[in-house]
Amino acid sequence: MAEGFEENETKEMIASVLTEEMFYMMKNEEHFDAERYAEKLSLLPGYLKGYDDGDAAPVPEPVRGGPSVGRNEPCPCGSGKKYKKCCGK
């Protein structure tokens, strides 16, 4: 039985902690504290909230609109005008 995380998962966890530490430093206008960073890394993976062995929530798909209207086509609002002269302004 293999123990541990995949290489990419490990990199993501370390990057998350480093990003959080950098945000904390900028927000509080402090210098990098290697001891605090090392302490956070030692608490991995339990340190990261919501991280559960790769069973991440699915990424939602972007909302895609319907087919686009050409400039010279009739406006979809029903005015009878060309799109460029009506809603396309």
PDB file of N, CA and C in Angstrom:
ATOM      1  N   MET A   1       0.849  -1.186   0.000  1.00  0.00           N
ATOM      2  CA  MET A   1       0.000   0.000   0.000  1.00  0.00           C
ATOM      3  C   MET A   1       0.888   1.240   0.000  1.00  0.00           C
ATOM      4  N   ALA A   2       0.650   2.103  -0.943  1.00  0.00           N
ATOM      5  CA  ALA A   2       1.437   3.327  -1.044  1.00  0.00           C
ATOM      6  C   ALA A   2       0.872   4.376  -0.104  1.00  0.00           C
ATOM      7  N   GLU A   3       1.762   5.064   0.569  1.00  0.00           N
ATOM      8  CA  GLU A   3       1.336   6.129   1.475  1.00  0.00           C
ATOM      9  C   GLU A   3       1.764   7.466   0.899  1.00  0.00           C
ATOM     10  N   GLY A   4       1.063   8.496   1.287  1.00  0.00           N
ATOM     11  CA  GLY A   4       1.431   9.833   0.853  1.00  0.00           C
ATOM     12  C   GLY A   4       0.551  10.315  -0.272  1.00  0.00           C
ATOM     13  N   PHE A   5       0.964  11.415  -0.849  1.00  0.00           N
ATOM     14  CA  PHE A   5       0.192  12.051  -1.897  1.00  0.00           C
ATOM     15  C   PHE A   5       0.973  11.995  -3.190  1.00  0.00           C
ATOM     16  N   GLU A   6       0.267  12.179  -4.272  1.00  0.00           N
ATOM     17  CA  GLU A   6       0.914  12.288  -5.576  1.00  0.00           C
ATOM     18  C   GLU A   6       1.765  13.554  -5.591  1.00  0.00           C
ATOM     19  N   GLU A   7       2.731  13.602  -6.478  1.00  0.00           N
ATOM     20  CA  GLU A   7       3.639  14.750  -6.542  1.00  0.00           C
ATOM     21  C   GLU A   7       2.883  16.048  -6.800  1.00  0.00           C
ATOM     22  N   ASN A   8       1.926  16.023  -7.729  1.00  0.00           N
ATOM     23  CA  ASN A   8       1.170  17.244  -8.044  1.00  0.00           C
ATOM     24  C   ASN A   8       0.337  17.700  -6.860  1.00  0.00           C
ATOM     25  N   GLU A   9      -0.253  16.756  -6.120  1.00  0.00           N
ATOM     26  CA  GLU A   9      -1.040  17.119  -4.944  1.00  0.00           C
ATOM     27  C   GLU A   9      -0.161  17.782  -3.895  1.00  0.00           C
ATOM     28  N   THR A  10       1.032  17.238  -3.709  1.00  0.00           N
ATOM     29  CA  THR A  10       1.968  17.804  -2.745  1.00  0.00           C
ATOM     30  C   THR A  10       2.357  19.219  -3.148  1.00  0.00           C
ATOM     31  N   LYS A  11       2.644  19.410  -4.416  1.00  0.00           N
ATOM     32  CA  LYS A  11       3.015  20.742  -4.906  1.00  0.00           C
ATOM     33  C   LYS A  11       1.874  21.731  -4.707  1.00  0.00           C
ATOM     34  N   GLU A  12       0.637  21.287  -4.975  1.00  0.00           N
ATOM     35  CA  GLU A  12      -0.513  22.164  -4.802  1.00  0.00           C
ATOM     36  C   GLU A  12      -0.690  22.563  -3.339  1.00  0.00           C
ATOM     37  N   MET A  13      -0.496  21.613  -2.423  1.00  0.00           N
ATOM     38  CA  MET A  13      -0.652  21.919  -1.006  1.00  0.00           C
ATOM     39  C   MET A  13       0.404  22.911  -0.541  1.00  0.00           C
ATOM     40  N   ILE A  14       1.644  22.690  -0.952  1.00  0.00           N
ATOM     41  CA  ILE A  14       2.731  23.590  -0.562  1.00  0.00           C
ATOM     42  C   ILE A  14       2.509  24.975  -1.168  1.00  0.00           C
ATOM     43  N   ALA A  15       2.075  25.018  -2.413  1.00  0.00           N
ATOM     44  CA  ALA A  15       1.802  26.303  -3.056  1.00  0.00           C
ATOM     45  C   ALA A  15       0.670  27.038  -2.352  1.00  0.00           C
ATOM     46  N   SER A  16      -0.337  26.304  -1.889  1.00  0.00           N
ATOM     47  CA  SER A  16      -1.446  26.938  -1.180  1.00  0.00           C
ATOM     48  C   SER A  16      -0.968  27.579   0.116  1.00  0.00           C
ATOM     49  N   VAL A  17      -0.128  26.867   0.843  1.00  0.00           N
ATOM     50  CA  VAL A  17       0.380  27.404   2.104  1.00  0.00           C
ATOM     51  C   VAL A  17       1.276  28.611   1.841  1.00  0.00           C
ATOM     52  N   LEU A  18       2.122  28.536   0.824  1.00  0.00           N
ATOM     53  CA  LEU A  18       3.004  29.652   0.486  1.00  0.00           C
ATOM     54  C   LEU A  18       2.186  30.875   0.056  1.00  0.00           C
ATOM     55  N   THR A  19       1.146  30.653  -0.740  1.00  0.00           N
ATOM     56  CA  THR A  19       0.293  31.759  -1.173  1.00  0.00           C
ATOM     57  C   THR A  19      -0.392  32.405   0.018  1.00  0.00           C
ATOM     58  N   GLU A  20      -0.900  31.584   0.923  1.00  0.00           N
ATOM     59  CA  GLU A  20      -1.555  32.122   2.111  1.00  0.00           C
ATOM     60  C   GLU A  20      -0.564  32.920   2.961  1.00  0.00           C
ATOM     61  N   GLU A  21       0.646  32.418   3.102  1.00  0.00           N
ATOM     62  CA  GLU A  21       1.666  33.108   3.890  1.00  0.00           C
ATOM     63  C   GLU A  21       2.023  34.443   3.247  1.00  0.00           C
ATOM     64  N   MET A  22       2.137  34.474   1.920  1.00  0.00           N
ATOM     65  CA  MET A  22       2.466  35.721   1.228  1.00  0.00           C
ATOM     66  C   MET A  22       1.330  36.738   1.389  1.00  0.00           C
ATOM     67  N   PHE A  23       0.082  36.270   1.295  1.00  0.00           N
ATOM     68  CA  PHE A  23      -1.059  37.154   1.491  1.00  0.00           C
ATOM     69  C   PHE A  23      -1.039  37.730   2.907  1.00  0.00           C
ATOM     70  N   TYR A  24      -0.762  36.892   3.899  1.00  0.00           N
ATOM     71  CA  TYR A  24      -0.694  37.333   5.291  1.00  0.00           C
ATOM     72  C   TYR A  24       0.388  38.400   5.458  1.00  0.00           C
ATOM     73  N   MET A  25       1.555  38.178   4.834  1.00  0.00           N
ATOM     74  CA  MET A  25       2.662  39.131   4.948  1.00  0.00           C
ATOM     75  C   MET A  25       2.285  40.486   4.353  1.00  0.00           C
ATOM     76  N   MET A  26       1.669  40.460   3.176  1.00  0.00           N
ATOM     77  CA  MET A  26       1.303  41.726   2.535  1.00  0.00           C
ATOM     78  C   MET A  26       0.207  42.442   3.312  1.00  0.00           C
ATOM     79  N   LYS A  27      -0.778  41.688   3.793  1.00  0.00           N
ATOM     80  CA  LYS A  27      -1.893  42.287   4.519  1.00  0.00           C
ATOM     81  C   LYS A  27      -1.415  42.933   5.814  1.00  0.00           C
ATOM     82  N   ASN A  28      -0.505  42.294   6.519  1.00  0.00           N
ATOM     83  CA  ASN A  28      -0.037  42.793   7.805  1.00  0.00           C
ATOM     84  C   ASN A  28       1.279  43.553   7.717  1.00  0.00           C
ATOM     85  N   GLU A  29       1.773  43.744   6.485  1.00  0.00           N
ATOM     86  CA  GLU A  29       3.027  44.457   6.243  1.00  0.00           C
ATOM     87  C   GLU A  29       4.154  43.922   7.113  1.00  0.00           C
ATOM     88  N   GLU A  30       4.319  42.599   7.059  1.00  0.00           N
ATOM     89  CA  GLU A  30       5.374  41.921   7.827  1.00  0.00           C
ATOM     90  C   GLU A  30       6.388  41.318   6.882  1.00  0.00           C
ATOM     91  N   HIS A  31       7.542  40.969   7.433  1.00  0.00           N
ATOM     92  CA  HIS A  31       8.571  40.274   6.681  1.00  0.00           C
ATOM     93  C   HIS A  31       8.307  38.778   6.724  1.00  0.00           C
ATOM     94  N   PHE A  32       8.910  38.041   5.790  1.00  0.00           N
ATOM     95  CA  PHE A  32       8.732  36.600   5.735  1.00  0.00           C
ATOM     96  C   PHE A  32       9.267  35.971   7.015  1.00  0.00           C
ATOM     97  N   ASP A  33       8.447  35.140   7.633  1.00  0.00           N
ATOM     98  CA  ASP A  33       8.831  34.452   8.863  1.00  0.00           C
ATOM     99  C   ASP A  33       9.002  32.973   8.528  1.00  0.00           C
ATOM    100  N   ALA A  34      10.255  32.554   8.359  1.00  0.00           N
ATOM    101  CA  ALA A  34      10.540  31.179   7.957  1.00  0.00           C
ATOM    102  C   ALA A  34      10.039  30.168   8.978  1.00  0.00           C
ATOM    103  N   GLU A  35      10.093  30.502  10.249  1.00  0.00           N
ATOM    104  CA  GLU A  35       9.632  29.572  11.287  1.00  0.00           C
ATOM    105  C   GLU A  35       8.122  29.359  11.192  1.00  0.00           C
ATOM    106  N   ARG A  36       7.365  30.425  10.995  1.00  0.00           N
ATOM    107  CA  ARG A  36       5.912  30.294  10.881  1.00  0.00           C
ATOM    108  C   ARG A  36       5.557  29.482   9.634  1.00  0.00           C
ATOM    109  N   TYR A  37       6.274  29.732   8.529  1.00  0.00           N
ATOM    110  CA  TYR A  37       6.039  28.990   7.290  1.00  0.00           C
ATOM    111  C   TYR A  37       6.363  27.514   7.473  1.00  0.00           C
ATOM    112  N   ALA A  38       7.478  27.206   8.116  1.00  0.00           N
ATOM    113  CA  ALA A  38       7.868  25.817   8.358  1.00  0.00           C
ATOM    114  C   ALA A  38       6.846  25.118   9.251  1.00  0.00           C
ATOM    115  N   GLU A  39       6.307  25.836  10.221  1.00  0.00           N
ATOM    116  CA  GLU A  39       5.301  25.256  11.107  1.00  0.00           C
ATOM    117  C   GLU A  39       4.035  24.903  10.319  1.00  0.00           C
ATOM    118  N   LYS A  40       3.620  25.789   9.422  1.00  0.00           N
ATOM    119  CA  LYS A  40       2.445  25.514   8.602  1.00  0.00           C
ATOM    120  C   LYS A  40       2.692  24.311   7.695  1.00  0.00           C
ATOM    121  N   LEU A  41       3.885  24.222   7.113  1.00  0.00           N
ATOM    122  CA  LEU A  41       4.196  23.088   6.254  1.00  0.00           C
ATOM    123  C   LEU A  41       4.211  21.782   7.038  1.00  0.00           C
ATOM    124  N   SER A  42       4.638  21.837   8.297  1.00  0.00           N
ATOM    125  CA  SER A  42       4.686  20.610   9.095  1.00  0.00           C
ATOM    126  C   SER A  42       3.296  20.089   9.415  1.00  0.00           C
ATOM    127  N   LEU A  43       2.299  20.941   9.343  1.00  0.00           N
ATOM    128  CA  LEU A  43       0.929  20.539   9.648  1.00  0.00           C
ATOM    129  C   LEU A  43       0.193  19.981   8.427  1.00  0.00           C
ATOM    130  N   LEU A  44       0.839  19.997   7.247  1.00  0.00           N
ATOM    131  CA  LEU A  44       0.197  19.449   6.049  1.00  0.00           C
ATOM    132  C   LEU A  44      -0.044  17.969   6.240  1.00  0.00           C
ATOM    133  N   PRO A  45      -1.061  17.350   5.700  1.00  0.00           N
ATOM    134  CA  PRO A  45      -2.115  17.941   4.901  1.00  0.00           C
ATOM    135  C   PRO A  45      -3.287  18.448   5.733  1.00  0.00           C
ATOM    136  N   GLY A  46      -3.307  18.194   7.031  1.00  0.00           N
ATOM    137  CA  GLY A  46      -4.430  18.604   7.855  1.00  0.00           C
ATOM    138  C   GLY A  46      -4.612  20.101   7.939  1.00  0.00           C
ATOM    139  N   TYR A  47      -3.593  20.868   7.574  1.00  0.00           N
ATOM    140  CA  TYR A  47      -3.658  22.318   7.659  1.00  0.00           C
ATOM    141  C   TYR A  47      -4.665  22.901   6.679  1.00  0.00           C
ATOM    142  N   LEU A  48      -4.730  22.329   5.498  1.00  0.00           N
ATOM    143  CA  LEU A  48      -5.595  22.870   4.466  1.00  0.00           C
ATOM    144  C   LEU A  48      -7.027  22.436   4.706  1.00  0.00           C
ATOM    145  N   LYS A  49      -7.898  23.390   4.856  1.00  0.00           N
ATOM    146  CA  LYS A  49      -9.303  23.094   5.089  1.00  0.00           C
ATOM    147  C   LYS A  49      -9.956  22.655   3.787  1.00  0.00           C
ATOM    148  N   GLY A  50     -10.782  21.650   3.856  1.00  0.00           N
ATOM    149  CA  GLY A  50     -11.516  21.218   2.684  1.00  0.00           C
ATOM    150  C   GLY A  50     -10.746  20.318   1.750  1.00  0.00           C
ATOM    151  N   TYR A  51      -9.502  20.006   2.052  1.00  0.00           N
ATOM    152  CA  TYR A  51      -8.724  19.134   1.181  1.00  0.00           C
ATOM    153  C   TYR A  51      -8.927  17.710   1.654  1.00  0.00           C
ATOM    154  N   ASP A  52      -9.499  16.858   0.799  1.00  0.00           N
ATOM    155  CA  ASP A  52      -9.786  15.505   1.234  1.00  0.00           C
ATOM    156  C   ASP A  52      -9.393  14.482   0.183  1.00  0.00           C
ATOM    157  N   ASP A  53      -8.131  14.154   0.132  1.00  0.00           N
ATOM    158  CA  ASP A  53      -7.582  13.089  -0.709  1.00  0.00           C
ATOM    159  C   ASP A  53      -7.999  13.157  -2.174  1.00  0.00           C
ATOM    160  N   GLY A  54      -8.063  14.329  -2.732  1.00  0.00           N
ATOM    161  CA  GLY A  54      -8.320  14.475  -4.148  1.00  0.00           C
ATOM    162  C   GLY A  54      -9.785  14.422  -4.539  1.00  0.00           C
ATOM    163  N   ASP A  55     -10.693  14.302  -3.599  1.00  0.00           N
ATOM    164  CA  ASP A  55     -12.115  14.295  -3.915  1.00  0.00           C
ATOM    165  C   ASP A  55     -12.637  15.724  -3.914  1.00  0.00           C
ATOM    166  N   ALA A  56     -12.057  16.539  -4.744  1.00  0.00           N
ATOM    167  CA  ALA A  56     -12.427  17.952  -4.791  1.00  0.00           C
ATOM    168  C   ALA A  56     -13.782  18.112  -5.459  1.00  0.00           C
ATOM    169  N   ALA A  57     -14.446  19.189  -5.132  1.00  0.00           N
ATOM    170  CA  ALA A  57     -15.735  19.488  -5.743  1.00  0.00           C
ATOM    171  C   ALA A  57     -15.517  19.710  -7.238  1.00  0.00           C
ATOM    172  N   PRO A  58     -16.461  19.291  -8.058  1.00  0.00           N
ATOM    173  CA  PRO A  58     -16.284  19.481  -9.495  1.00  0.00           C
ATOM    174  C   PRO A  58     -16.260  20.959  -9.852  1.00  0.00           C
ATOM    175  N   VAL A  59     -15.448  21.284 -10.824  1.00  0.00           N
ATOM    176  CA  VAL A  59     -15.332  22.659 -11.286  1.00  0.00           C
ATOM    177  C   VAL A  59     -16.533  22.951 -12.173  1.00  0.00           C
ATOM    178  N   PRO A  60     -17.301  24.000 -11.855  1.00  0.00           N
ATOM    179  CA  PRO A  60     -18.478  24.286 -12.681  1.00  0.00           C
ATOM    180  C   PRO A  60     -18.075  24.732 -14.082  1.00  0.00           C
ATOM    181  N   GLU A  61     -18.864  24.326 -15.050  1.00  0.00           N
ATOM    182  CA  GLU A  61     -18.625  24.719 -16.434  1.00  0.00           C
ATOM    183  C   GLU A  61     -19.053  26.172 -16.625  1.00  0.00           C
ATOM    184  N   PRO A  62     -18.355  26.924 -17.453  1.00  0.00           N
ATOM    185  CA  PRO A  62     -18.757  28.311 -17.695  1.00  0.00           C
ATOM    186  C   PRO A  62     -20.093  28.355 -18.432  1.00  0.00           C
ATOM    187  N   VAL A  63     -20.862  29.386 -18.161  1.00  0.00           N
ATOM    188  CA  VAL A  63     -22.151  29.566 -18.814  1.00  0.00           C
ATOM    189  C   VAL A  63     -21.888  30.092 -20.215  1.00  0.00           C
ATOM    190  N   ARG A  64     -22.440  29.411 -21.153  1.00  0.00           N
ATOM    191  CA  ARG A  64     -22.242  29.816 -22.546  1.00  0.00           C
ATOM    192  C   ARG A  64     -23.563  30.355 -23.081  1.00  0.00           C
ATOM    193  N   GLY A  65     -23.484  31.491 -23.763  1.00  0.00           N
ATOM    194  CA  GLY A  65     -24.671  32.097 -24.339  1.00  0.00           C
ATOM    195  C   GLY A  65     -25.097  31.363 -25.601  1.00  0.00           C
ATOM    196  N   GLY A  66     -26.221  31.754 -26.124  1.00  0.00           N
ATOM    197  CA  GLY A  66     -26.714  31.169 -27.360  1.00  0.00           C
ATOM    198  C   GLY A  66     -25.874  31.639 -28.531  1.00  0.00           C
ATOM    199  N   PRO A  67     -26.310  31.317 -29.723  1.00  0.00           N
ATOM    200  CA  PRO A  67     -25.551  31.762 -30.895  1.00  0.00           C
ATOM    201  C   PRO A  67     -25.525  33.283 -30.975  1.00  0.00           C
ATOM    202  N   SER A  68     -24.417  33.820 -31.404  1.00  0.00           N
ATOM    203  CA  SER A  68     -24.283  35.271 -31.465  1.00  0.00           C
ATOM    204  C   SER A  68     -25.054  35.820 -32.669  1.00  0.00           C
ATOM    205  N   VAL A  69     -25.401  37.080 -32.568  1.00  0.00           N
ATOM    206  CA  VAL A  69     -26.161  37.750 -33.617  1.00  0.00           C
ATOM    207  C   VAL A  69     -25.192  38.576 -34.447  1.00  0.00           C
ATOM    208  N   GLY A  70     -25.278  38.447 -35.757  1.00  0.00           N
ATOM    209  CA  GLY A  70     -24.435  39.245 -36.644  1.00  0.00           C
ATOM    210  C   GLY A  70     -24.896  40.687 -36.669  1.00  0.00           C
ATOM    211  N   ARG A  71     -24.000  41.586 -37.044  1.00  0.00           N
ATOM    212  CA  ARG A  71     -24.318  43.014 -37.055  1.00  0.00           C
ATOM    213  C   ARG A  71     -25.472  43.351 -37.992  1.00  0.00           C
ATOM    214  N   ASN A  72     -25.535  42.676 -39.119  1.00  0.00           N
ATOM    215  CA  ASN A  72     -26.540  43.020 -40.124  1.00  0.00           C
ATOM    216  C   ASN A  72     -27.786  42.135 -40.065  1.00  0.00           C
ATOM    217  N   GLU A  73     -27.886  41.293 -39.070  1.00  0.00           N
ATOM    218  CA  GLU A  73     -29.071  40.443 -38.916  1.00  0.00           C
ATOM    219  C   GLU A  73     -30.148  41.212 -38.150  1.00  0.00           C
ATOM    220  N   PRO A  74     -31.406  40.769 -38.288  1.00  0.00           N
ATOM    221  CA  PRO A  74     -32.475  41.427 -37.522  1.00  0.00           C
ATOM    222  C   PRO A  74     -32.233  41.282 -36.019  1.00  0.00           C
ATOM    223  N   CYS A  75     -32.571  42.318 -35.276  1.00  0.00           N
ATOM    224  CA  CYS A  75     -32.345  42.322 -33.833  1.00  0.00           C
ATOM    225  C   CYS A  75     -33.255  41.284 -33.162  1.00  0.00           C
ATOM    226  N   PRO A  76     -32.731  40.506 -32.222  1.00  0.00           N
ATOM    227  CA  PRO A  76     -33.539  39.489 -31.558  1.00  0.00           C
ATOM    228  C   PRO A  76     -34.604  40.075 -30.629  1.00  0.00           C
ATOM    229  N   CYS A  77     -34.579  41.387 -30.371  1.00  0.00           N
ATOM    230  CA  CYS A  77     -35.584  41.981 -29.485  1.00  0.00           C
ATOM    231  C   CYS A  77     -36.938  42.127 -30.182  1.00  0.00           C
ATOM    232  N   GLY A  78     -36.939  41.964 -31.523  1.00  0.00           N
ATOM    233  CA  GLY A  78     -38.201  42.003 -32.257  1.00  0.00           C
ATOM    234  C   GLY A  78     -38.568  43.373 -32.795  1.00  0.00           C
ATOM    235  N   SER A  79     -37.666  44.331 -32.757  1.00  0.00           N
ATOM    236  CA  SER A  79     -37.980  45.684 -33.221  1.00  0.00           C
ATOM    237  C   SER A  79     -38.071  45.775 -34.737  1.00  0.00           C
ATOM    238  N   GLY A  80     -37.475  44.827 -35.444  1.00  0.00           N
ATOM    239  CA  GLY A  80     -37.456  44.883 -36.902  1.00  0.00           C
ATOM    240  C   GLY A  80     -36.240  45.592 -37.449  1.00  0.00           C
ATOM    241  N   LYS A  81     -35.462  46.244 -36.590  1.00  0.00           N
ATOM    242  CA  LYS A  81     -34.255  46.930 -37.024  1.00  0.00           C
ATOM    243  C   LYS A  81     -33.098  45.951 -37.084  1.00  0.00           C
ATOM    244  N   LYS A  82     -32.034  46.383 -37.784  1.00  0.00           N
ATOM    245  CA  LYS A  82     -30.820  45.588 -37.778  1.00  0.00           C
ATOM    246  C   LYS A  82     -30.210  45.679 -36.373  1.00  0.00           C
ATOM    247  N   TYR A  83     -29.516  44.614 -35.984  1.00  0.00           N
ATOM    248  CA  TYR A  83     -28.921  44.538 -34.653  1.00  0.00           C
ATOM    249  C   TYR A  83     -27.974  45.712 -34.387  1.00  0.00           C
ATOM    250  N   LYS A  84     -27.184  46.096 -35.419  1.00  0.00           N
ATOM    251  CA  LYS A  84     -26.211  47.172 -35.221  1.00  0.00           C
ATOM    252  C   LYS A  84     -26.879  48.522 -34.962  1.00  0.00           C
ATOM    253  N   LYS A  85     -28.126  48.710 -35.402  1.00  0.00           N
ATOM    254  CA  LYS A  85     -28.845  49.967 -35.210  1.00  0.00           C
ATOM    255  C   LYS A  85     -29.745  49.928 -33.978  1.00  0.00           C
ATOM    256  N   CYS A  86     -29.886  48.749 -33.357  1.00  0.00           N
ATOM    257  CA  CYS A  86     -30.814  48.623 -32.227  1.00  0.00           C
ATOM    258  C   CYS A  86     -30.041  48.302 -30.938  1.00  0.00           C
ATOM    259  N   CYS A  87     -29.997  47.073 -30.584  1.00  0.00           N
ATOM    260  CA  CYS A  87     -29.364  46.654 -29.314  1.00  0.00           C
ATOM    261  C   CYS A  87     -27.851  46.500 -29.411  1.00  0.00           C
ATOM    262  N   GLY A  88     -27.301  46.580 -30.600  1.00  0.00           N
ATOM    263  CA  GLY A  88     -25.870  46.395 -30.770  1.00  0.00           C
ATOM    264  C   GLY A  88     -25.052  47.655 -30.593  1.00  0.00           C
ATOM    265  N   LYS A  89     -25.688  48.734 -30.181  1.00  0.00           N
ATOM    266  CA  LYS A  89     -24.972  50.001 -30.013  1.00  0.00           C
ATOM    267  C   LYS A  89     -24.069  49.933 -28.831  1.00  0.00           C
TER     268      LYS A  89
END
